[in-house]
Amino acid sequence: MGVRVVLVEDNDVFRETLELLLGLRGDLDIVASVATGQEAIDIVARLDPDVVLVDYRMPGLNGAQTTAEVLRASPRSRVLCLTASISREEMQSLIDAGAIACLTKDEDLEHIVASIHSAAAAAA
């Protein structure tokens, strides 16, 4: 079994594409894919994943709020942000909430995968 990952992304096309691409890899196990921070909190509490990949801008809870609540629900999990763009203040709020790092959606897929593995190693 690979690294257990939950995807949190409100853009359905991007989320489904990422789920497909990451799911094709033998070293990752996409255990859930949800569109909102609230859904993430609920599912993470049940599944206790290794890594939660969170968008920053979503309806309802933003990435920092979602990160804080996800870590409250599953303290062992590690959170990585994956977003289109982010301000310095938003980045700081993510780090303050407990996120390990923030990647942009235009990053190379291999870099995203390597970051997921690094985050999972920190969870172990």
PDB file of N, CA and C in Angstrom:
ATOM      1  N   MET A   1       0.845  -1.192   0.000  1.00  0.00           N
ATOM      2  CA  MET A   1       0.000   0.000   0.000  1.00  0.00           C
ATOM      3  C   MET A   1       0.882   1.243   0.000  1.00  0.00           C
ATOM      4  N   GLY A   2       0.459   2.240  -0.779  1.00  0.00           N
ATOM      5  CA  GLY A   2       1.228   3.466  -0.881  1.00  0.00           C
ATOM      6  C   GLY A   2       0.829   4.486   0.166  1.00  0.00           C
ATOM      7  N   VAL A   3       1.325   5.683  -0.013  1.00  0.00           N
ATOM      8  CA  VAL A   3       0.981   6.799   0.858  1.00  0.00           C
ATOM      9  C   VAL A   3      -0.507   7.086   0.692  1.00  0.00           C
ATOM     10  N   ARG A   4      -1.222   7.151   1.810  1.00  0.00           N
ATOM     11  CA  ARG A   4      -2.669   7.389   1.791  1.00  0.00           C
ATOM     12  C   ARG A   4      -2.941   8.892   1.727  1.00  0.00           C
ATOM     13  N   VAL A   5      -3.616   9.321   0.656  1.00  0.00           N
ATOM     14  CA  VAL A   5      -3.801  10.747   0.361  1.00  0.00           C
ATOM     15  C   VAL A   5      -5.285  11.091   0.225  1.00  0.00           C
ATOM     16  N   VAL A   6      -5.662  12.231   0.794  1.00  0.00           N
ATOM     17  CA  VAL A   6      -6.978  12.824   0.573  1.00  0.00           C
ATOM     18  C   VAL A   6      -6.769  14.103  -0.234  1.00  0.00           C
ATOM     19  N   LEU A   7      -7.522  14.257  -1.326  1.00  0.00           N
ATOM     20  CA  LEU A   7      -7.472  15.457  -2.157  1.00  0.00           C
ATOM     21  C   LEU A   7      -8.636  16.368  -1.789  1.00  0.00           C
ATOM     22  N   VAL A   8      -8.351  17.662  -1.622  1.00  0.00           N
ATOM     23  CA  VAL A   8      -9.390  18.648  -1.302  1.00  0.00           C
ATOM     24  C   VAL A   8      -9.257  19.784  -2.316  1.00  0.00           C
ATOM     25  N   GLU A   9     -10.186  19.826  -3.264  1.00  0.00           N
ATOM     26  CA  GLU A   9     -10.098  20.765  -4.377  1.00  0.00           C
ATOM     27  C   GLU A   9     -11.508  21.047  -4.891  1.00  0.00           C
ATOM     28  N   ASP A  10     -11.889  22.320  -4.978  1.00  0.00           N
ATOM     29  CA  ASP A  10     -13.247  22.654  -5.405  1.00  0.00           C
ATOM     30  C   ASP A  10     -13.435  22.638  -6.921  1.00  0.00           C
ATOM     31  N   ASN A  11     -12.357  22.704  -7.694  1.00  0.00           N
ATOM     32  CA  ASN A  11     -12.459  22.635  -9.146  1.00  0.00           C
ATOM     33  C   ASN A  11     -12.565  21.158  -9.538  1.00  0.00           C
ATOM     34  N   ASP A  12     -13.763  20.756  -9.952  1.00  0.00           N
ATOM     35  CA  ASP A  12     -14.018  19.339 -10.239  1.00  0.00           C
ATOM     36  C   ASP A  12     -13.070  18.762 -11.282  1.00  0.00           C
ATOM     37  N   VAL A  13     -12.840  19.500 -12.373  1.00  0.00           N
ATOM     38  CA  VAL A  13     -11.984  18.991 -13.445  1.00  0.00           C
ATOM     39  C   VAL A  13     -10.556  18.802 -12.947  1.00  0.00           C
ATOM     40  N   PHE A  14     -10.023  19.797 -12.244  1.00  0.00           N
ATOM     41  CA  PHE A  14      -8.656  19.672 -11.731  1.00  0.00           C
ATOM     42  C   PHE A  14      -8.567  18.534 -10.712  1.00  0.00           C
ATOM     43  N   ARG A  15      -9.544  18.454  -9.803  1.00  0.00           N
ATOM     44  CA  ARG A  15      -9.535  17.407  -8.778  1.00  0.00           C
ATOM     45  C   ARG A  15      -9.582  16.014  -9.405  1.00  0.00           C
ATOM     46  N   GLU A  16     -10.483  15.829 -10.364  1.00  0.00           N
ATOM     47  CA  GLU A  16     -10.616  14.520 -11.004  1.00  0.00           C
ATOM     48  C   GLU A  16      -9.373  14.157 -11.806  1.00  0.00           C
ATOM     49  N   THR A  17      -8.769  15.138 -12.470  1.00  0.00           N
ATOM     50  CA  THR A  17      -7.541  14.893 -13.229  1.00  0.00           C
ATOM     51  C   THR A  17      -6.402  14.514 -12.287  1.00  0.00           C
ATOM     52  N   LEU A  18      -6.253  15.268 -11.209  1.00  0.00           N
ATOM     53  CA  LEU A  18      -5.204  14.974 -10.239  1.00  0.00           C
ATOM     54  C   LEU A  18      -5.419  13.598  -9.604  1.00  0.00           C
ATOM     55  N   GLU A  19      -6.658  13.303  -9.278  1.00  0.00           N
ATOM     56  CA  GLU A  19      -6.983  11.998  -8.700  1.00  0.00           C
ATOM     57  C   GLU A  19      -6.591  10.882  -9.664  1.00  0.00           C
ATOM     58  N   LEU A  20      -6.888  11.059 -10.946  1.00  0.00           N
ATOM     59  CA  LEU A  20      -6.541  10.060 -11.950  1.00  0.00           C
ATOM     60  C   LEU A  20      -5.026   9.908 -12.079  1.00  0.00           C
ATOM     61  N   LEU A  21      -4.319  11.032 -12.228  1.00  0.00           N
ATOM     62  CA  LEU A  21      -2.870  10.975 -12.408  1.00  0.00           C
ATOM     63  C   LEU A  21      -2.148  10.376 -11.195  1.00  0.00           C
ATOM     64  N   LEU A  22      -2.543  10.824 -10.007  1.00  0.00           N
ATOM     65  CA  LEU A  22      -1.893  10.294  -8.799  1.00  0.00           C
ATOM     66  C   LEU A  22      -2.325   8.855  -8.539  1.00  0.00           C
ATOM     67  N   GLY A  23      -3.568   8.533  -8.891  1.00  0.00           N
ATOM     68  CA  GLY A  23      -4.083   7.187  -8.668  1.00  0.00           C
ATOM     69  C   GLY A  23      -3.445   6.140  -9.555  1.00  0.00           C
ATOM     70  N   LEU A  24      -2.875   6.547 -10.668  1.00  0.00           N
ATOM     71  CA  LEU A  24      -2.198   5.609 -11.561  1.00  0.00           C
ATOM     72  C   LEU A  24      -0.851   5.154 -11.007  1.00  0.00           C
ATOM     73  N   ARG A  25      -0.361   5.856 -10.017  1.00  0.00           N
ATOM     74  CA  ARG A  25       0.947   5.539  -9.438  1.00  0.00           C
ATOM     75  C   ARG A  25       0.783   4.437  -8.389  1.00  0.00           C
ATOM     76  N   GLY A  26       1.729   3.553  -8.335  1.00  0.00           N
ATOM     77  CA  GLY A  26       1.670   2.470  -7.359  1.00  0.00           C
ATOM     78  C   GLY A  26       2.093   2.900  -5.961  1.00  0.00           C
ATOM     79  N   ASP A  27       2.711   4.082  -5.855  1.00  0.00           N
ATOM     80  CA  ASP A  27       3.243   4.521  -4.557  1.00  0.00           C
ATOM     81  C   ASP A  27       2.287   5.447  -3.808  1.00  0.00           C
ATOM     82  N   LEU A  28       1.123   5.752  -4.398  1.00  0.00           N
ATOM     83  CA  LEU A  28       0.127   6.608  -3.750  1.00  0.00           C
ATOM     84  C   LEU A  28      -1.232   5.917  -3.770  1.00  0.00           C
ATOM     85  N   ASP A  29      -1.986   6.104  -2.711  1.00  0.00           N
ATOM     86  CA  ASP A  29      -3.327   5.546  -2.616  1.00  0.00           C
ATOM     87  C   ASP A  29      -4.286   6.696  -2.311  1.00  0.00           C
ATOM     88  N   ILE A  30      -5.062   7.132  -3.308  1.00  0.00           N
ATOM     89  CA  ILE A  30      -6.012   8.229  -3.113  1.00  0.00           C
ATOM     90  C   ILE A  30      -7.224   7.639  -2.397  1.00  0.00           C
ATOM     91  N   VAL A  31      -7.328   7.911  -1.097  1.00  0.00           N
ATOM     92  CA  VAL A  31      -8.389   7.301  -0.289  1.00  0.00           C
ATOM     93  C   VAL A  31      -9.680   8.109  -0.311  1.00  0.00           C
ATOM     94  N   ALA A  32      -9.604   9.391  -0.703  1.00  0.00           N
ATOM     95  CA  ALA A  32     -10.800  10.225  -0.825  1.00  0.00           C
ATOM     96  C   ALA A  32     -10.456  11.458  -1.648  1.00  0.00           C
ATOM     97  N   SER A  33     -11.493  11.999  -2.276  1.00  0.00           N
ATOM     98  CA  SER A  33     -11.359  13.198  -3.088  1.00  0.00           C
ATOM     99  C   SER A  33     -12.624  14.020  -2.873  1.00  0.00           C
ATOM    100  N   VAL A  34     -12.475  15.207  -2.283  1.00  0.00           N
ATOM    101  CA  VAL A  34     -13.638  16.013  -1.896  1.00  0.00           C
ATOM    102  C   VAL A  34     -13.481  17.455  -2.383  1.00  0.00           C
ATOM    103  N   ALA A  35     -14.612  18.180  -2.393  1.00  0.00           N
ATOM    104  CA  ALA A  35     -14.635  19.526  -2.968  1.00  0.00           C
ATOM    105  C   ALA A  35     -14.561  20.660  -1.959  1.00  0.00           C
ATOM    106  N   THR A  36     -14.789  20.376  -0.662  1.00  0.00           N
ATOM    107  CA  THR A  36     -14.798  21.464   0.320  1.00  0.00           C
ATOM    108  C   THR A  36     -13.997  21.107   1.570  1.00  0.00           C
ATOM    109  N   GLY A  37     -13.636  22.147   2.301  1.00  0.00           N
ATOM    110  CA  GLY A  37     -12.934  21.949   3.555  1.00  0.00           C
ATOM    111  C   GLY A  37     -13.754  21.167   4.560  1.00  0.00           C
ATOM    112  N   GLN A  38     -15.051  21.448   4.627  1.00  0.00           N
ATOM    113  CA  GLN A  38     -15.904  20.735   5.574  1.00  0.00           C
ATOM    114  C   GLN A  38     -15.950  19.243   5.263  1.00  0.00           C
ATOM    115  N   GLU A  39     -16.066  18.912   3.984  1.00  0.00           N
ATOM    116  CA  GLU A  39     -16.043  17.492   3.597  1.00  0.00           C
ATOM    117  C   GLU A  39     -14.711  16.860   3.994  1.00  0.00           C
ATOM    118  N   ALA A  40     -13.632  17.619   3.844  1.00  0.00           N
ATOM    119  CA  ALA A  40     -12.307  17.105   4.192  1.00  0.00           C
ATOM    120  C   ALA A  40     -12.225  16.773   5.677  1.00  0.00           C
ATOM    121  N   ILE A  41     -12.721  17.659   6.510  1.00  0.00           N
ATOM    122  CA  ILE A  41     -12.673  17.441   7.966  1.00  0.00           C
ATOM    123  C   ILE A  41     -13.413  16.161   8.322  1.00  0.00           C
ATOM    124  N   ASP A  42     -14.586  15.991   7.750  1.00  0.00           N
ATOM    125  CA  ASP A  42     -15.393  14.806   8.035  1.00  0.00           C
ATOM    126  C   ASP A  42     -14.690  13.521   7.598  1.00  0.00           C
ATOM    127  N   ILE A  43     -14.123  13.518   6.393  1.00  0.00           N
ATOM    128  CA  ILE A  43     -13.520  12.303   5.848  1.00  0.00           C
ATOM    129  C   ILE A  43     -12.176  11.998   6.518  1.00  0.00           C
ATOM    130  N   VAL A  44     -11.409  13.031   6.824  1.00  0.00           N
ATOM    131  CA  VAL A  44     -10.104  12.839   7.463  1.00  0.00           C
ATOM    132  C   VAL A  44     -10.269  12.246   8.860  1.00  0.00           C
ATOM    133  N   ALA A  45     -11.297  12.670   9.566  1.00  0.00           N
ATOM    134  CA  ALA A  45     -11.552  12.125  10.902  1.00  0.00           C
ATOM    135  C   ALA A  45     -11.792  10.615  10.834  1.00  0.00           C
ATOM    136  N   ARG A  46     -12.404  10.152   9.752  1.00  0.00           N
ATOM    137  CA  ARG A  46     -12.688   8.719   9.595  1.00  0.00           C
ATOM    138  C   ARG A  46     -11.512   7.938   9.031  1.00  0.00           C
ATOM    139  N   LEU A  47     -10.772   8.539   8.088  1.00  0.00           N
ATOM    140  CA  LEU A  47      -9.760   7.787   7.343  1.00  0.00           C
ATOM    141  C   LEU A  47      -8.331   7.932   7.861  1.00  0.00           C
ATOM    142  N   ASP A  48      -8.042   8.995   8.618  1.00  0.00           N
ATOM    143  CA  ASP A  48      -6.696   9.236   9.144  1.00  0.00           C
ATOM    144  C   ASP A  48      -5.606   9.046   8.077  1.00  0.00           C
ATOM    145  N   PRO A  49      -5.665   9.838   6.992  1.00  0.00           N
ATOM    146  CA  PRO A  49      -4.695   9.673   5.900  1.00  0.00           C
ATOM    147  C   PRO A  49      -3.301  10.141   6.299  1.00  0.00           C
ATOM    148  N   ASP A  50      -2.323   9.751   5.497  1.00  0.00           N
ATOM    149  CA  ASP A  50      -0.945  10.216   5.715  1.00  0.00           C
ATOM    150  C   ASP A  50      -0.814  11.683   5.319  1.00  0.00           C
ATOM    151  N   VAL A  51      -1.388  12.027   4.167  1.00  0.00           N
ATOM    152  CA  VAL A  51      -1.239  13.376   3.613  1.00  0.00           C
ATOM    153  C   VAL A  51      -2.593  13.879   3.106  1.00  0.00           C
ATOM    154  N   VAL A  52      -2.852  15.160   3.368  1.00  0.00           N
ATOM    155  CA  VAL A  52      -4.044  15.825   2.845  1.00  0.00           C
ATOM    156  C   VAL A  52      -3.551  16.953   1.948  1.00  0.00           C
ATOM    157  N   LEU A  53      -3.922  16.892   0.670  1.00  0.00           N
ATOM    158  CA  LEU A  53      -3.533  17.896  -0.312  1.00  0.00           C
ATOM    159  C   LEU A  53      -4.695  18.875  -0.441  1.00  0.00           C
ATOM    160  N   VAL A  54      -4.495  20.126  -0.006  1.00  0.00           N
ATOM    161  CA  VAL A  54      -5.582  21.095   0.153  1.00  0.00           C
ATOM    162  C   VAL A  54      -5.395  22.305  -0.758  1.00  0.00           C
ATOM    163  N   ASP A  55      -6.451  22.662  -1.457  1.00  0.00           N
ATOM    164  CA  ASP A  55      -6.468  23.913  -2.224  1.00  0.00           C
ATOM    165  C   ASP A  55      -6.576  25.069  -1.226  1.00  0.00           C
ATOM    166  N   TYR A  56      -6.162  26.276  -1.611  1.00  0.00           N
ATOM    167  CA  TYR A  56      -6.308  27.403  -0.684  1.00  0.00           C
ATOM    168  C   TYR A  56      -7.668  28.085  -0.835  1.00  0.00           C
ATOM    169  N   ARG A  57      -8.033  28.417  -2.067  1.00  0.00           N
ATOM    170  CA  ARG A  57      -9.284  29.149  -2.290  1.00  0.00           C
ATOM    171  C   ARG A  57     -10.417  28.189  -2.606  1.00  0.00           C
ATOM    172  N   MET A  58     -11.313  28.044  -1.645  1.00  0.00           N
ATOM    173  CA  MET A  58     -12.482  27.170  -1.802  1.00  0.00           C
ATOM    174  C   MET A  58     -13.678  27.865  -1.177  1.00  0.00           C
ATOM    175  N   PRO A  59     -14.878  27.487  -1.597  1.00  0.00           N
ATOM    176  CA  PRO A  59     -16.060  28.047  -0.936  1.00  0.00           C
ATOM    177  C   PRO A  59     -16.129  27.559   0.514  1.00  0.00           C
ATOM    178  N   GLY A  60     -16.626  28.401   1.393  1.00  0.00           N
ATOM    179  CA  GLY A  60     -16.686  28.008   2.810  1.00  0.00           C
ATOM    180  C   GLY A  60     -15.327  28.222   3.452  1.00  0.00           C
ATOM    181  N   LEU A  61     -14.754  27.179   3.981  1.00  0.00           N
ATOM    182  CA  LEU A  61     -13.455  27.269   4.647  1.00  0.00           C
ATOM    183  C   LEU A  61     -12.333  27.439   3.629  1.00  0.00           C
ATOM    184  N   ASN A  62     -11.384  28.336   3.917  1.00  0.00           N
ATOM    185  CA  ASN A  62     -10.226  28.457   3.031  1.00  0.00           C
ATOM    186  C   ASN A  62      -9.175  27.406   3.412  1.00  0.00           C
ATOM    187  N   GLY A  63      -8.056  27.402   2.729  1.00  0.00           N
ATOM    188  CA  GLY A  63      -7.033  26.393   2.966  1.00  0.00           C
ATOM    189  C   GLY A  63      -6.456  26.406   4.370  1.00  0.00           C
ATOM    190  N   ALA A  64      -6.248  27.601   4.935  1.00  0.00           N
ATOM    191  CA  ALA A  64      -5.692  27.691   6.289  1.00  0.00           C
ATOM    192  C   ALA A  64      -6.692  27.184   7.321  1.00  0.00           C
ATOM    193  N   GLN A  65      -7.955  27.578   7.165  1.00  0.00           N
ATOM    194  CA  GLN A  65      -8.989  27.107   8.091  1.00  0.00           C
ATOM    195  C   GLN A  65      -9.151  25.589   7.984  1.00  0.00           C
ATOM    196  N   THR A  66      -9.145  25.088   6.756  1.00  0.00           N
ATOM    197  CA  THR A  66      -9.260  23.644   6.535  1.00  0.00           C
ATOM    198  C   THR A  66      -8.073  22.919   7.153  1.00  0.00           C
ATOM    199  N   THR A  67      -6.869  23.459   6.960  1.00  0.00           N
ATOM    200  CA  THR A  67      -5.670  22.832   7.524  1.00  0.00           C
ATOM    201  C   THR A  67      -5.781  22.696   9.038  1.00  0.00           C
ATOM    202  N   ALA A  68      -6.148  23.767   9.698  1.00  0.00           N
ATOM    203  CA  ALA A  68      -6.254  23.739  11.163  1.00  0.00           C
ATOM    204  C   ALA A  68      -7.258  22.690  11.625  1.00  0.00           C
ATOM    205  N   GLU A  69      -8.408  22.630  10.965  1.00  0.00           N
ATOM    206  CA  GLU A  69      -9.462  21.682  11.363  1.00  0.00           C
ATOM    207  C   GLU A  69      -9.099  20.247  11.013  1.00  0.00           C
ATOM    208  N   VAL A  70      -8.450  20.046   9.873  1.00  0.00           N
ATOM    209  CA  VAL A  70      -8.004  18.711   9.469  1.00  0.00           C
ATOM    210  C   VAL A  70      -7.012  18.166  10.495  1.00  0.00           C
ATOM    211  N   LEU A  71      -6.083  19.009  10.913  1.00  0.00           N
ATOM    212  CA  LEU A  71      -5.069  18.556  11.881  1.00  0.00           C
ATOM    213  C   LEU A  71      -5.681  18.330  13.262  1.00  0.00           C
ATOM    214  N   ARG A  72      -6.732  19.047  13.578  1.00  0.00           N
ATOM    215  CA  ARG A  72      -7.440  18.798  14.829  1.00  0.00           C
ATOM    216  C   ARG A  72      -8.141  17.433  14.762  1.00  0.00           C
ATOM    217  N   ALA A  73      -8.716  17.123  13.597  1.00  0.00           N
ATOM    218  CA  ALA A  73      -9.443  15.866  13.403  1.00  0.00           C
ATOM    219  C   ALA A  73      -8.505  14.665  13.262  1.00  0.00           C
ATOM    220  N   SER A  74      -7.317  14.899  12.720  1.00  0.00           N
ATOM    221  CA  SER A  74      -6.353  13.811  12.463  1.00  0.00           C
ATOM    222  C   SER A  74      -4.939  14.344  12.682  1.00  0.00           C
ATOM    223  N   PRO A  75      -4.496  14.438  13.938  1.00  0.00           N
ATOM    224  CA  PRO A  75      -3.198  15.047  14.255  1.00  0.00           C
ATOM    225  C   PRO A  75      -1.996  14.377  13.579  1.00  0.00           C
ATOM    226  N   ARG A  76      -2.113  13.113  13.226  1.00  0.00           N
ATOM    227  CA  ARG A  76      -1.003  12.396  12.595  1.00  0.00           C
ATOM    228  C   ARG A  76      -0.844  12.774  11.117  1.00  0.00           C
ATOM    229  N   SER A  77      -1.915  13.230  10.492  1.00  0.00           N
ATOM    230  CA  SER A  77      -1.865  13.588   9.073  1.00  0.00           C
ATOM    231  C   SER A  77      -0.970  14.801   8.855  1.00  0.00           C
ATOM    232  N   ARG A  78      -0.455  14.919   7.639  1.00  0.00           N
ATOM    233  CA  ARG A  78       0.318  16.084   7.239  1.00  0.00           C
ATOM    234  C   ARG A  78      -0.420  16.771   6.105  1.00  0.00           C
ATOM    235  N   VAL A  79      -0.394  18.103   6.098  1.00  0.00           N
ATOM    236  CA  VAL A  79      -1.131  18.883   5.093  1.00  0.00           C
ATOM    237  C   VAL A  79      -0.156  19.589   4.164  1.00  0.00           C
ATOM    238  N   LEU A  80      -0.419  19.440   2.866  1.00  0.00           N
ATOM    239  CA  LEU A  80       0.265  20.180   1.820  1.00  0.00           C
ATOM    240  C   LEU A  80      -0.791  21.018   1.110  1.00  0.00           C
ATOM    241  N   CYS A  81      -0.459  22.255   0.831  1.00  0.00           N
ATOM    242  CA  CYS A  81      -1.366  23.098   0.056  1.00  0.00           C
ATOM    243  C   CYS A  81      -0.964  22.995  -1.410  1.00  0.00           C
ATOM    244  N   LEU A  82      -1.960  22.941  -2.289  1.00  0.00           N
ATOM    245  CA  LEU A  82      -1.738  22.957  -3.730  1.00  0.00           C
ATOM    246  C   LEU A  82      -2.731  23.961  -4.296  1.00  0.00           C
ATOM    247  N   THR A  83      -2.231  25.114  -4.741  1.00  0.00           N
ATOM    248  CA  THR A  83      -3.118  26.199  -5.151  1.00  0.00           C
ATOM    249  C   THR A  83      -2.585  26.892  -6.398  1.00  0.00           C
ATOM    250  N   ALA A  84      -3.451  27.641  -7.059  1.00  0.00           N
ATOM    251  CA  ALA A  84      -3.050  28.351  -8.276  1.00  0.00           C
ATOM    252  C   ALA A  84      -2.098  29.502  -7.950  1.00  0.00           C
ATOM    253  N   SER A  85      -2.440  30.287  -6.945  1.00  0.00           N
ATOM    254  CA  SER A  85      -1.590  31.399  -6.523  1.00  0.00           C
ATOM    255  C   SER A  85      -1.899  31.687  -5.063  1.00  0.00           C
ATOM    256  N   ILE A  86      -0.939  32.321  -4.403  1.00  0.00           N
ATOM    257  CA  ILE A  86      -1.107  32.577  -2.974  1.00  0.00           C
ATOM    258  C   ILE A  86      -0.287  33.802  -2.580  1.00  0.00           C
ATOM    259  N   SER A  87      -0.848  34.620  -1.723  1.00  0.00           N
ATOM    260  CA  SER A  87      -0.129  35.805  -1.247  1.00  0.00           C
ATOM    261  C   SER A  87       0.791  35.409  -0.087  1.00  0.00           C
ATOM    262  N   ARG A  88       1.678  36.294   0.259  1.00  0.00           N
ATOM    263  CA  ARG A  88       2.589  36.055   1.380  1.00  0.00           C
ATOM    264  C   ARG A  88       1.794  35.872   2.681  1.00  0.00           C
ATOM    265  N   GLU A  89       0.749  36.681   2.860  1.00  0.00           N
ATOM    266  CA  GLU A  89      -0.071  36.585   4.076  1.00  0.00           C
ATOM    267  C   GLU A  89      -0.823  35.249   4.135  1.00  0.00           C
ATOM    268  N   GLU A  90      -1.367  34.822   2.992  1.00  0.00           N
ATOM    269  CA  GLU A  90      -2.064  33.534   2.934  1.00  0.00           C
ATOM    270  C   GLU A  90      -1.098  32.389   3.223  1.00  0.00           C
ATOM    271  N   MET A  91       0.101  32.479   2.672  1.00  0.00           N
ATOM    272  CA  MET A  91       1.124  31.453   2.915  1.00  0.00           C
ATOM    273  C   MET A  91       1.438  31.372   4.401  1.00  0.00           C
ATOM    274  N   GLN A  92       1.596  32.527   5.040  1.00  0.00           N
ATOM    275  CA  GLN A  92       1.900  32.541   6.472  1.00  0.00           C
ATOM    276  C   GLN A  92       0.747  31.935   7.274  1.00  0.00           C
ATOM    277  N   SER A  93      -0.493  32.232   6.874  1.00  0.00           N
ATOM    278  CA  SER A  93      -1.635  31.665   7.598  1.00  0.00           C
ATOM    279  C   SER A  93      -1.672  30.145   7.461  1.00  0.00           C
ATOM    280  N   LEU A  94      -1.258  29.625   6.321  1.00  0.00           N
ATOM    281  CA  LEU A  94      -1.184  28.172   6.125  1.00  0.00           C
ATOM    282  C   LEU A  94      -0.134  27.541   7.037  1.00  0.00           C
ATOM    283  N   ILE A  95       1.038  28.140   7.070  1.00  0.00           N
ATOM    284  CA  ILE A  95       2.122  27.620   7.911  1.00  0.00           C
ATOM    285  C   ILE A  95       1.716  27.694   9.381  1.00  0.00           C
ATOM    286  N   ASP A  96       1.118  28.817   9.770  1.00  0.00           N
ATOM    287  CA  ASP A  96       0.648  28.971  11.154  1.00  0.00           C
ATOM    288  C   ASP A  96      -0.394  27.913  11.509  1.00  0.00           C
ATOM    289  N   ALA A  97      -1.204  27.517  10.527  1.00  0.00           N
ATOM    290  CA  ALA A  97      -2.247  26.513  10.757  1.00  0.00           C
ATOM    291  C   ALA A  97      -1.680  25.097  10.817  1.00  0.00           C
ATOM    292  N   GLY A  98      -0.426  24.927  10.342  1.00  0.00           N
ATOM    293  CA  GLY A  98       0.209  23.612  10.436  1.00  0.00           C
ATOM    294  C   GLY A  98       0.554  22.947   9.121  1.00  0.00           C
ATOM    295  N   ALA A  99       0.340  23.628   7.990  1.00  0.00           N
ATOM    296  CA  ALA A  99       0.709  23.042   6.697  1.00  0.00           C
ATOM    297  C   ALA A  99       2.228  22.916   6.604  1.00  0.00           C
ATOM    298  N   ILE A 100       2.687  21.863   5.955  1.00  0.00           N
ATOM    299  CA  ILE A 100       4.122  21.625   5.789  1.00  0.00           C
ATOM    300  C   ILE A 100       4.702  22.508   4.684  1.00  0.00           C
ATOM    301  N   ALA A 101       3.946  22.670   3.587  1.00  0.00           N
ATOM    302  CA  ALA A 101       4.437  23.450   2.451  1.00  0.00           C
ATOM    303  C   ALA A 101       3.257  23.836   1.573  1.00  0.00           C
ATOM    304  N   CYS A 102       3.525  24.734   0.628  1.00  0.00           N
ATOM    305  CA  CYS A 102       2.514  25.119  -0.342  1.00  0.00           C
ATOM    306  C   CYS A 102       3.125  25.042  -1.730  1.00  0.00           C
ATOM    307  N   LEU A 103       2.484  24.291  -2.586  1.00  0.00           N
ATOM    308  CA  LEU A 103       2.921  24.124  -3.969  1.00  0.00           C
ATOM    309  C   LEU A 103       1.920  24.828  -4.876  1.00  0.00           C
ATOM    310  N   THR A 104       2.378  25.185  -6.081  1.00  0.00           N
ATOM    311  CA  THR A 104       1.445  25.769  -7.038  1.00  0.00           C
ATOM    312  C   THR A 104       1.011  24.699  -8.034  1.00  0.00           C
ATOM    313  N   LYS A 105      -0.177  24.896  -8.579  1.00  0.00           N
ATOM    314  CA  LYS A 105      -0.770  23.899  -9.470  1.00  0.00           C
ATOM    315  C   LYS A 105       0.009  23.707 -10.761  1.00  0.00           C
ATOM    316  N   ASP A 106       0.896  24.648 -11.093  1.00  0.00           N
ATOM    317  CA  ASP A 106       1.686  24.485 -12.313  1.00  0.00           C
ATOM    318  C   ASP A 106       3.016  23.769 -12.068  1.00  0.00           C
ATOM    319  N   GLU A 107       3.218  23.270 -10.847  1.00  0.00           N
ATOM    320  CA  GLU A 107       4.427  22.492 -10.531  1.00  0.00           C
ATOM    321  C   GLU A 107       4.436  21.199 -11.351  1.00  0.00           C
ATOM    322  N   ASP A 108       5.613  20.695 -11.603  1.00  0.00           N
ATOM    323  CA  ASP A 108       5.778  19.410 -12.258  1.00  0.00           C
ATOM    324  C   ASP A 108       5.156  18.315 -11.387  1.00  0.00           C
ATOM    325  N   LEU A 109       4.460  17.376 -11.993  1.00  0.00           N
ATOM    326  CA  LEU A 109       3.793  16.307 -11.250  1.00  0.00           C
ATOM    327  C   LEU A 109       4.777  15.534 -10.371  1.00  0.00           C
ATOM    328  N   GLU A 110       5.971  15.296 -10.876  1.00  0.00           N
ATOM    329  CA  GLU A 110       6.969  14.556 -10.089  1.00  0.00           C
ATOM    330  C   GLU A 110       7.369  15.322  -8.819  1.00  0.00           C
ATOM    331  N   HIS A 111       7.395  16.641  -8.911  1.00  0.00           N
ATOM    332  CA  HIS A 111       7.705  17.458  -7.733  1.00  0.00           C
ATOM    333  C   HIS A 111       6.567  17.365  -6.707  1.00  0.00           C
ATOM    334  N   ILE A 112       5.323  17.382  -7.193  1.00  0.00           N
ATOM    335  CA  ILE A 112       4.173  17.237  -6.301  1.00  0.00           C
ATOM    336  C   ILE A 112       4.230  15.881  -5.604  1.00  0.00           C
ATOM    337  N   VAL A 113       4.515  14.828  -6.373  1.00  0.00           N
ATOM    338  CA  VAL A 113       4.605  13.477  -5.800  1.00  0.00           C
ATOM    339  C   VAL A 113       5.738  13.397  -4.773  1.00  0.00           C
ATOM    340  N   ALA A 114       6.887  13.966  -5.095  1.00  0.00           N
ATOM    341  CA  ALA A 114       8.017  13.964  -4.152  1.00  0.00           C
ATOM    342  C   ALA A 114       7.647  14.702  -2.870  1.00  0.00           C
ATOM    343  N   SER A 115       6.902  15.798  -2.997  1.00  0.00           N
ATOM    344  CA  SER A 115       6.478  16.558  -1.821  1.00  0.00           C
ATOM    345  C   SER A 115       5.496  15.755  -0.973  1.00  0.00           C
ATOM    346  N   ILE A 116       4.610  15.001  -1.613  1.00  0.00           N
ATOM    347  CA  ILE A 116       3.688  14.133  -0.896  1.00  0.00           C
ATOM    348  C   ILE A 116       4.473  13.090  -0.098  1.00  0.00           C
ATOM    349  N   HIS A 117       5.479  12.491  -0.731  1.00  0.00           N
ATOM    350  CA  HIS A 117       6.305  11.494  -0.041  1.00  0.00           C
ATOM    351  C   HIS A 117       7.078  12.113   1.130  1.00  0.00           C
ATOM    352  N   SER A 118       7.597  13.317   0.938  1.00  0.00           N
ATOM    353  CA  SER A 118       8.318  13.999   2.028  1.00  0.00           C
ATOM    354  C   SER A 118       7.389  14.267   3.198  1.00  0.00           C
ATOM    355  N   ALA A 119       6.178  14.715   2.880  1.00  0.00           N
ATOM    356  CA  ALA A 119       5.197  14.986   3.932  1.00  0.00           C
ATOM    357  C   ALA A 119       4.827  13.705   4.667  1.00  0.00           C
ATOM    358  N   ALA A 120       4.648  12.623   3.930  1.00  0.00           N
ATOM    359  CA  ALA A 120       4.296  11.337   4.545  1.00  0.00           C
ATOM    360  C   ALA A 120       5.419  10.855   5.461  1.00  0.00           C
ATOM    361  N   ALA A 121       6.658  11.076   5.051  1.00  0.00           N
ATOM    362  CA  ALA A 121       7.794  10.666   5.883  1.00  0.00           C
ATOM    363  C   ALA A 121       7.788  11.450   7.192  1.00  0.00           C
ATOM    364  N   ALA A 122       7.358  12.691   7.140  1.00  0.00           N
ATOM    365  CA  ALA A 122       7.275  13.506   8.359  1.00  0.00           C
ATOM    366  C   ALA A 122       6.157  13.021   9.274  1.00  0.00           C
ATOM    367  N   ALA A 123       5.157  12.347   8.693  1.00  0.00           N
ATOM    368  CA  ALA A 123       4.030  11.835   9.471  1.00  0.00           C
ATOM    369  C   ALA A 123       4.388  10.530  10.176  1.00  0.00           C
ATOM    370  N   ALA A 124       5.361   9.832   9.643  1.00  0.00           N
ATOM    371  CA  ALA A 124       5.699   8.501  10.189  1.00  0.00           C
ATOM    372  C   ALA A 124       6.356   8.563  11.549  1.00  0.00           C
TER     373      ALA A 124
END
